[in-house]
Amino acid sequence: MWVTGDGRIRQELRADGRYDEARGSRRSAYTGRYTVTGNHLDYVDDLGFTATGDIRDGVLYHEHLVLYREDRAS
């Protein structure tokens, strides 16, 4: 589980290649699949929207978001 510093956005990257992103009180605001190549992630939302992310120094930079592993966010 990855989470923004304020805890408002939570992104679960599941082992089966699926992701589920919650925003505020809105569960499963975005869902889809992702692939990992090295430290780079490519996302495809279930509606066809695409996005990218990179993990650098244990931090996930996903488009304009900065997410931390849940246990490191507090």
PDB file of N, CA and C in Angstrom:
ATOM      1  N   MET A   1       0.846  -1.180   0.000  1.00  0.00           N
ATOM      2  CA  MET A   1       0.000   0.000   0.000  1.00  0.00           C
ATOM      3  C   MET A   1       0.885   1.234   0.000  1.00  0.00           C
ATOM      4  N   TRP A   2       0.569   2.158  -0.876  1.00  0.00           N
ATOM      5  CA  TRP A   2       1.261   3.443  -0.980  1.00  0.00           C
ATOM      6  C   TRP A   2       0.263   4.530  -0.614  1.00  0.00           C
ATOM      7  N   VAL A   3       0.724   5.587   0.044  1.00  0.00           N
ATOM      8  CA  VAL A   3      -0.183   6.623   0.527  1.00  0.00           C
ATOM      9  C   VAL A   3       0.506   7.988   0.453  1.00  0.00           C
ATOM     10  N   THR A   4      -0.282   9.021   0.142  1.00  0.00           N
ATOM     11  CA  THR A   4       0.264  10.378   0.158  1.00  0.00           C
ATOM     12  C   THR A   4       0.545  10.785   1.600  1.00  0.00           C
ATOM     13  N   GLY A   5       1.382  11.784   1.776  1.00  0.00           N
ATOM     14  CA  GLY A   5       1.758  12.237   3.104  1.00  0.00           C
ATOM     15  C   GLY A   5       0.574  12.620   3.973  1.00  0.00           C
ATOM     16  N   ASP A   6      -0.482  13.149   3.364  1.00  0.00           N
ATOM     17  CA  ASP A   6      -1.665  13.539   4.137  1.00  0.00           C
ATOM     18  C   ASP A   6      -2.669  12.398   4.292  1.00  0.00           C
ATOM     19  N   GLY A   7      -2.374  11.240   3.676  1.00  0.00           N
ATOM     20  CA  GLY A   7      -3.248  10.074   3.801  1.00  0.00           C
ATOM     21  C   GLY A   7      -4.505  10.121   2.955  1.00  0.00           C
ATOM     22  N   ARG A   8      -4.681  11.163   2.166  1.00  0.00           N
ATOM     23  CA  ARG A   8      -5.906  11.324   1.378  1.00  0.00           C
ATOM     24  C   ARG A   8      -5.997  10.345   0.210  1.00  0.00           C
ATOM     25  N   ILE A   9      -4.853  10.015  -0.385  1.00  0.00           N
ATOM     26  CA  ILE A   9      -4.843   9.113  -1.540  1.00  0.00           C
ATOM     27  C   ILE A   9      -4.072   7.865  -1.159  1.00  0.00           C
ATOM     28  N   ARG A  10      -4.710   6.709  -1.394  1.00  0.00           N
ATOM     29  CA  ARG A  10      -4.105   5.413  -1.052  1.00  0.00           C
ATOM     30  C   ARG A  10      -4.134   4.538  -2.292  1.00  0.00           C
ATOM     31  N   GLN A  11      -2.980   3.996  -2.636  1.00  0.00           N
ATOM     32  CA  GLN A  11      -2.884   3.176  -3.842  1.00  0.00           C
ATOM     33  C   GLN A  11      -2.358   1.790  -3.471  1.00  0.00           C
ATOM     34  N   GLU A  12      -3.190   0.800  -3.693  1.00  0.00           N
ATOM     35  CA  GLU A  12      -2.796  -0.586  -3.451  1.00  0.00           C
ATOM     36  C   GLU A  12      -2.312  -1.190  -4.760  1.00  0.00           C
ATOM     37  N   LEU A  13      -1.052  -1.614  -4.780  1.00  0.00           N
ATOM     38  CA  LEU A  13      -0.499  -2.311  -5.937  1.00  0.00           C
ATOM     39  C   LEU A  13      -0.482  -3.788  -5.595  1.00  0.00           C
ATOM     40  N   ARG A  14      -1.395  -4.522  -6.189  1.00  0.00           N
ATOM     41  CA  ARG A  14      -1.554  -5.931  -5.842  1.00  0.00           C
ATOM     42  C   ARG A  14      -0.575  -6.802  -6.622  1.00  0.00           C
ATOM     43  N   ALA A  15      -0.259  -7.953  -6.062  1.00  0.00           N
ATOM     44  CA  ALA A  15       0.695  -8.888  -6.668  1.00  0.00           C
ATOM     45  C   ALA A  15       0.206  -9.438  -8.005  1.00  0.00           C
ATOM     46  N   ASP A  16      -1.113  -9.394  -8.251  1.00  0.00           N
ATOM     47  CA  ASP A  16      -1.655  -9.924  -9.512  1.00  0.00           C
ATOM     48  C   ASP A  16      -1.616  -8.907 -10.654  1.00  0.00           C
ATOM     49  N   GLY A  17      -0.939  -7.752 -10.437  1.00  0.00           N
ATOM     50  CA  GLY A  17      -0.821  -6.751 -11.490  1.00  0.00           C
ATOM     51  C   GLY A  17      -1.981  -5.785 -11.563  1.00  0.00           C
ATOM     52  N   ARG A  18      -2.854  -5.814 -10.581  1.00  0.00           N
ATOM     53  CA  ARG A  18      -3.983  -4.884 -10.515  1.00  0.00           C
ATOM     54  C   ARG A  18      -3.693  -3.815  -9.470  1.00  0.00           C
ATOM     55  N   TYR A  19      -4.287  -2.641  -9.648  1.00  0.00           N
ATOM     56  CA  TYR A  19      -4.185  -1.605  -8.628  1.00  0.00           C
ATOM     57  C   TYR A  19      -5.574  -1.098  -8.282  1.00  0.00           C
ATOM     58  N   ASP A  20      -5.678  -0.553  -7.085  1.00  0.00           N
ATOM     59  CA  ASP A  20      -6.934   0.022  -6.596  1.00  0.00           C
ATOM     60  C   ASP A  20      -6.559   1.297  -5.844  1.00  0.00           C
ATOM     61  N   GLU A  21      -7.072   2.411  -6.308  1.00  0.00           N
ATOM     62  CA  GLU A  21      -6.725   3.703  -5.711  1.00  0.00           C
ATOM     63  C   GLU A  21      -7.942   4.336  -5.062  1.00  0.00           C
ATOM     64  N   ALA A  22      -7.812   4.660  -3.787  1.00  0.00           N
ATOM     65  CA  ALA A  22      -8.865   5.356  -3.043  1.00  0.00           C
ATOM     66  C   ALA A  22      -8.482   6.825  -2.923  1.00  0.00           C
ATOM     67  N   ARG A  23      -9.481   7.685  -2.981  1.00  0.00           N
ATOM     68  CA  ARG A  23      -9.258   9.132  -2.837  1.00  0.00           C
ATOM     69  C   ARG A  23     -10.247   9.662  -1.813  1.00  0.00           C
ATOM     70  N   GLY A  24      -9.717  10.093  -0.668  1.00  0.00           N
ATOM     71  CA  GLY A  24     -10.589  10.552   0.411  1.00  0.00           C
ATOM     72  C   GLY A  24     -11.504   9.422   0.841  1.00  0.00           C
ATOM     73  N   SER A  25     -12.793   9.703   0.898  1.00  0.00           N
ATOM     74  CA  SER A  25     -13.761   8.680   1.305  1.00  0.00           C
ATOM     75  C   SER A  25     -14.236   7.834   0.115  1.00  0.00           C
ATOM     76  N   ARG A  26     -13.738   8.128  -1.062  1.00  0.00           N
ATOM     77  CA  ARG A  26     -14.155   7.422  -2.281  1.00  0.00           C
ATOM     78  C   ARG A  26     -13.274   6.189  -2.506  1.00  0.00           C
ATOM     79  N   ARG A  27     -13.770   5.032  -2.115  1.00  0.00           N
ATOM     80  CA  ARG A  27     -13.044   3.779  -2.306  1.00  0.00           C
ATOM     81  C   ARG A  27     -13.064   3.394  -3.772  1.00  0.00           C
ATOM     82  N   SER A  28     -11.987   2.784  -4.226  1.00  0.00           N
ATOM     83  CA  SER A  28     -11.880   2.320  -5.618  1.00  0.00           C
ATOM     84  C   SER A  28     -12.213   3.424  -6.616  1.00  0.00           C
ATOM     85  N   ALA A  29     -11.668   4.616  -6.362  1.00  0.00           N
ATOM     86  CA  ALA A  29     -11.886   5.739  -7.278  1.00  0.00           C
ATOM     87  C   ALA A  29     -11.293   5.437  -8.649  1.00  0.00           C
ATOM     88  N   TYR A  30     -10.158   4.756  -8.648  1.00  0.00           N
ATOM     89  CA  TYR A  30      -9.508   4.328  -9.882  1.00  0.00           C
ATOM     90  C   TYR A  30      -9.041   2.892  -9.704  1.00  0.00           C
ATOM     91  N   THR A  31      -9.299   2.078 -10.704  1.00  0.00           N
ATOM     92  CA  THR A  31      -8.842   0.698 -10.692  1.00  0.00           C
ATOM     93  C   THR A  31      -8.311   0.357 -12.075  1.00  0.00           C
ATOM     94  N   GLY A  32      -7.422  -0.614 -12.117  1.00  0.00           N
ATOM     95  CA  GLY A  32      -6.878  -1.016 -13.401  1.00  0.00           C
ATOM     96  C   GLY A  32      -5.728  -1.970 -13.219  1.00  0.00           C
ATOM     97  N   ARG A  33      -4.850  -1.979 -14.216  1.00  0.00           N
ATOM     98  CA  ARG A  33      -3.701  -2.871 -14.155  1.00  0.00           C
ATOM     99  C   ARG A  33      -2.424  -2.052 -14.275  1.00  0.00           C
ATOM    100  N   TYR A  34      -1.339  -2.642 -13.827  1.00  0.00           N
ATOM    101  CA  TYR A  34      -0.050  -1.975 -13.934  1.00  0.00           C
ATOM    102  C   TYR A  34       1.025  -3.001 -14.255  1.00  0.00           C
ATOM    103  N   THR A  35       2.104  -2.518 -14.861  1.00  0.00           N
ATOM    104  CA  THR A  35       3.279  -3.353 -15.108  1.00  0.00           C
ATOM    105  C   THR A  35       4.501  -2.604 -14.576  1.00  0.00           C
ATOM    106  N   VAL A  36       5.502  -3.371 -14.196  1.00  0.00           N
ATOM    107  CA  VAL A  36       6.730  -2.802 -13.648  1.00  0.00           C
ATOM    108  C   VAL A  36       7.897  -3.214 -14.525  1.00  0.00           C
ATOM    109  N   THR A  37       8.716  -2.243 -14.897  1.00  0.00           N
ATOM    110  CA  THR A  37       9.965  -2.480 -15.614  1.00  0.00           C
ATOM    111  C   THR A  37      11.054  -1.751 -14.839  1.00  0.00           C
ATOM    112  N   GLY A  38      11.868  -2.503 -14.116  1.00  0.00           N
ATOM    113  CA  GLY A  38      12.869  -1.875 -13.251  1.00  0.00           C
ATOM    114  C   GLY A  38      12.173  -1.086 -12.154  1.00  0.00           C
ATOM    115  N   ASN A  39      12.384   0.216 -12.134  1.00  0.00           N
ATOM    116  CA  ASN A  39      11.736   1.102 -11.159  1.00  0.00           C
ATOM    117  C   ASN A  39      10.593   1.904 -11.770  1.00  0.00           C
ATOM    118  N   HIS A  40      10.233   1.583 -12.997  1.00  0.00           N
ATOM    119  CA  HIS A  40       9.195   2.326 -13.723  1.00  0.00           C
ATOM    120  C   HIS A  40       7.888   1.533 -13.741  1.00  0.00           C
ATOM    121  N   LEU A  41       6.774   2.230 -13.524  1.00  0.00           N
ATOM    122  CA  LEU A  41       5.445   1.612 -13.572  1.00  0.00           C
ATOM    123  C   LEU A  41       4.625   2.241 -14.690  1.00  0.00           C
ATOM    124  N   ASP A  42       3.903   1.410 -15.417  1.00  0.00           N
ATOM    125  CA  ASP A  42       2.930   1.861 -16.411  1.00  0.00           C
ATOM    126  C   ASP A  42       1.562   1.400 -15.954  1.00  0.00           C
ATOM    127  N   TYR A  43       0.617   2.330 -15.893  1.00  0.00           N
ATOM    128  CA  TYR A  43      -0.739   2.063 -15.434  1.00  0.00           C
ATOM    129  C   TYR A  43      -1.709   2.176 -16.597  1.00  0.00           C
ATOM    130  N   VAL A  44      -2.716   1.301 -16.620  1.00  0.00           N
ATOM    131  CA  VAL A  44      -3.837   1.418 -17.558  1.00  0.00           C
ATOM    132  C   VAL A  44      -5.104   1.262 -16.729  1.00  0.00           C
ATOM    133  N   ASP A  45      -5.848   2.349 -16.607  1.00  0.00           N
ATOM    134  CA  ASP A  45      -7.107   2.369 -15.867  1.00  0.00           C
ATOM    135  C   ASP A  45      -8.127   1.494 -16.591  1.00  0.00           C
ATOM    136  N   ASP A  46      -9.083   0.967 -15.850  1.00  0.00           N
ATOM    137  CA  ASP A  46     -10.116   0.123 -16.459  1.00  0.00           C
ATOM    138  C   ASP A  46     -10.913   0.849 -17.544  1.00  0.00           C
ATOM    139  N   LEU A  47     -10.887   2.168 -17.545  1.00  0.00           N
ATOM    140  CA  LEU A  47     -11.580   2.943 -18.586  1.00  0.00           C
ATOM    141  C   LEU A  47     -10.656   3.321 -19.731  1.00  0.00           C
ATOM    142  N   GLY A  48      -9.366   2.889 -19.654  1.00  0.00           N
ATOM    143  CA  GLY A  48      -8.442   3.134 -20.749  1.00  0.00           C
ATOM    144  C   GLY A  48      -7.462   4.268 -20.522  1.00  0.00           C
ATOM    145  N   PHE A  49      -7.611   5.033 -19.459  1.00  0.00           N
ATOM    146  CA  PHE A  49      -6.688   6.120 -19.143  1.00  0.00           C
ATOM    147  C   PHE A  49      -5.323   5.531 -18.792  1.00  0.00           C
ATOM    148  N   THR A  50      -4.254   6.159 -19.246  1.00  0.00           N
ATOM    149  CA  THR A  50      -2.915   5.665 -18.932  1.00  0.00           C
ATOM    150  C   THR A  50      -2.159   6.663 -18.071  1.00  0.00           C
ATOM    151  N   ALA A  51      -1.229   6.153 -17.282  1.00  0.00           N
ATOM    152  CA  ALA A  51      -0.384   6.982 -16.422  1.00  0.00           C
ATOM    153  C   ALA A  51       0.923   6.247 -16.189  1.00  0.00           C
ATOM    154  N   THR A  52       1.897   6.951 -15.635  1.00  0.00           N
ATOM    155  CA  THR A  52       3.187   6.336 -15.336  1.00  0.00           C
ATOM    156  C   THR A  52       3.612   6.706 -13.927  1.00  0.00           C
ATOM    157  N   GLY A  53       4.607   5.989 -13.449  1.00  0.00           N
ATOM    158  CA  GLY A  53       5.186   6.283 -12.146  1.00  0.00           C
ATOM    159  C   GLY A  53       6.603   5.750 -12.087  1.00  0.00           C
ATOM    160  N   ASP A  54       7.367   6.268 -11.137  1.00  0.00           N
ATOM    161  CA  ASP A  54       8.728   5.812 -10.912  1.00  0.00           C
ATOM    162  C   ASP A  54       8.980   5.735  -9.419  1.00  0.00           C
ATOM    163  N   ILE A  55       9.687   4.699  -9.007  1.00  0.00           N
ATOM    164  CA  ILE A  55      10.080   4.573  -7.608  1.00  0.00           C
ATOM    165  C   ILE A  55      11.538   4.983  -7.511  1.00  0.00           C
ATOM    166  N   ARG A  56      11.768   6.031  -6.714  1.00  0.00           N
ATOM    167  CA  ARG A  56      13.125   6.523  -6.489  1.00  0.00           C
ATOM    168  C   ARG A  56      13.333   6.685  -4.993  1.00  0.00           C
ATOM    169  N   ASP A  57      14.387   6.085  -4.474  1.00  0.00           N
ATOM    170  CA  ASP A  57      14.720   6.167  -3.047  1.00  0.00           C
ATOM    171  C   ASP A  57      13.545   5.772  -2.160  1.00  0.00           C
ATOM    172  N   GLY A  58      12.798   4.744  -2.578  1.00  0.00           N
ATOM    173  CA  GLY A  58      11.694   4.238  -1.777  1.00  0.00           C
ATOM    174  C   GLY A  58      10.436   5.086  -1.809  1.00  0.00           C
ATOM    175  N   VAL A  59      10.373   6.049  -2.731  1.00  0.00           N
ATOM    176  CA  VAL A  59       9.213   6.927  -2.879  1.00  0.00           C
ATOM    177  C   VAL A  59       8.625   6.706  -4.270  1.00  0.00           C
ATOM    178  N   LEU A  60       7.299   6.609  -4.358  1.00  0.00           N
ATOM    179  CA  LEU A  60       6.609   6.436  -5.631  1.00  0.00           C
ATOM    180  C   LEU A  60       6.149   7.795  -6.145  1.00  0.00           C
ATOM    181  N   TYR A  61       6.688   8.187  -7.288  1.00  0.00           N
ATOM    182  CA  TYR A  61       6.290   9.422  -7.967  1.00  0.00           C
ATOM    183  C   TYR A  61       5.350   8.998  -9.086  1.00  0.00           C
ATOM    184  N   HIS A  62       4.058   9.233  -8.859  1.00  0.00           N
ATOM    185  CA  HIS A  62       3.010   8.795  -9.783  1.00  0.00           C
ATOM    186  C   HIS A  62       2.352  10.037 -10.355  1.00  0.00           C
ATOM    187  N   GLU A  63       2.737  10.371 -11.609  1.00  0.00           N
ATOM    188  CA  GLU A  63       2.285  11.611 -12.244  1.00  0.00           C
ATOM    189  C   GLU A  63       2.579  12.781 -11.304  1.00  0.00           C
ATOM    190  N   HIS A  64       1.590  13.493 -10.818  1.00  0.00           N
ATOM    191  CA  HIS A  64       1.822  14.645  -9.926  1.00  0.00           C
ATOM    192  C   HIS A  64       1.808  14.271  -8.446  1.00  0.00           C
ATOM    193  N   LEU A  65       1.613  13.003  -8.127  1.00  0.00           N
ATOM    194  CA  LEU A  65       1.522  12.552  -6.739  1.00  0.00           C
ATOM    195  C   LEU A  65       2.857  12.043  -6.220  1.00  0.00           C
ATOM    196  N   VAL A  66       3.054  12.195  -4.919  1.00  0.00           N
ATOM    197  CA  VAL A  66       4.198  11.613  -4.226  1.00  0.00           C
ATOM    198  C   VAL A  66       3.621  10.696  -3.154  1.00  0.00           C
ATOM    199  N   LEU A  67       3.926   9.399  -3.269  1.00  0.00           N
ATOM    200  CA  LEU A  67       3.362   8.411  -2.340  1.00  0.00           C
ATOM    201  C   LEU A  67       4.484   7.672  -1.621  1.00  0.00           C
ATOM    202  N   TYR A  68       4.193   7.312  -0.375  1.00  0.00           N
ATOM    203  CA  TYR A  68       5.143   6.612   0.481  1.00  0.00           C
ATOM    204  C   TYR A  68       4.552   5.262   0.859  1.00  0.00           C
ATOM    205  N   ARG A  69       5.425   4.297   1.123  1.00  0.00           N
ATOM    206  CA  ARG A  69       4.922   3.021   1.642  1.00  0.00           C
ATOM    207  C   ARG A  69       4.165   3.335   2.919  1.00  0.00           C
ATOM    208  N   GLU A  70       3.051   2.678   3.123  1.00  0.00           N
ATOM    209  CA  GLU A  70       2.158   3.016   4.227  1.00  0.00           C
ATOM    210  C   GLU A  70       2.892   3.041   5.577  1.00  0.00           C
ATOM    211  N   ASP A  71       3.776   2.099   5.818  1.00  0.00           N
ATOM    212  CA  ASP A  71       4.461   2.053   7.100  1.00  0.00           C
ATOM    213  C   ASP A  71       5.465   3.192   7.275  1.00  0.00           C
ATOM    214  N   ARG A  72       5.835   3.906   6.196  1.00  0.00           N
ATOM    215  CA  ARG A  72       6.778   5.019   6.273  1.00  0.00           C
ATOM    216  C   ARG A  72       6.095   6.372   6.220  1.00  0.00           C
ATOM    217  N   ALA A  73       4.782   6.393   5.964  1.00  0.00           N
ATOM    218  CA  ALA A  73       4.062   7.655   5.763  1.00  0.00           C
ATOM    219  C   ALA A  73       3.835   8.405   7.066  1.00  0.00           C
ATOM    220  N   SER A  74       3.811   7.733   8.187  1.00  0.00           N
ATOM    221  CA  SER A  74       3.504   8.424   9.441  1.00  0.00           C
ATOM    222  C   SER A  74       4.742   8.990  10.094  1.00  0.00           C
TER     223      SER A  74
END
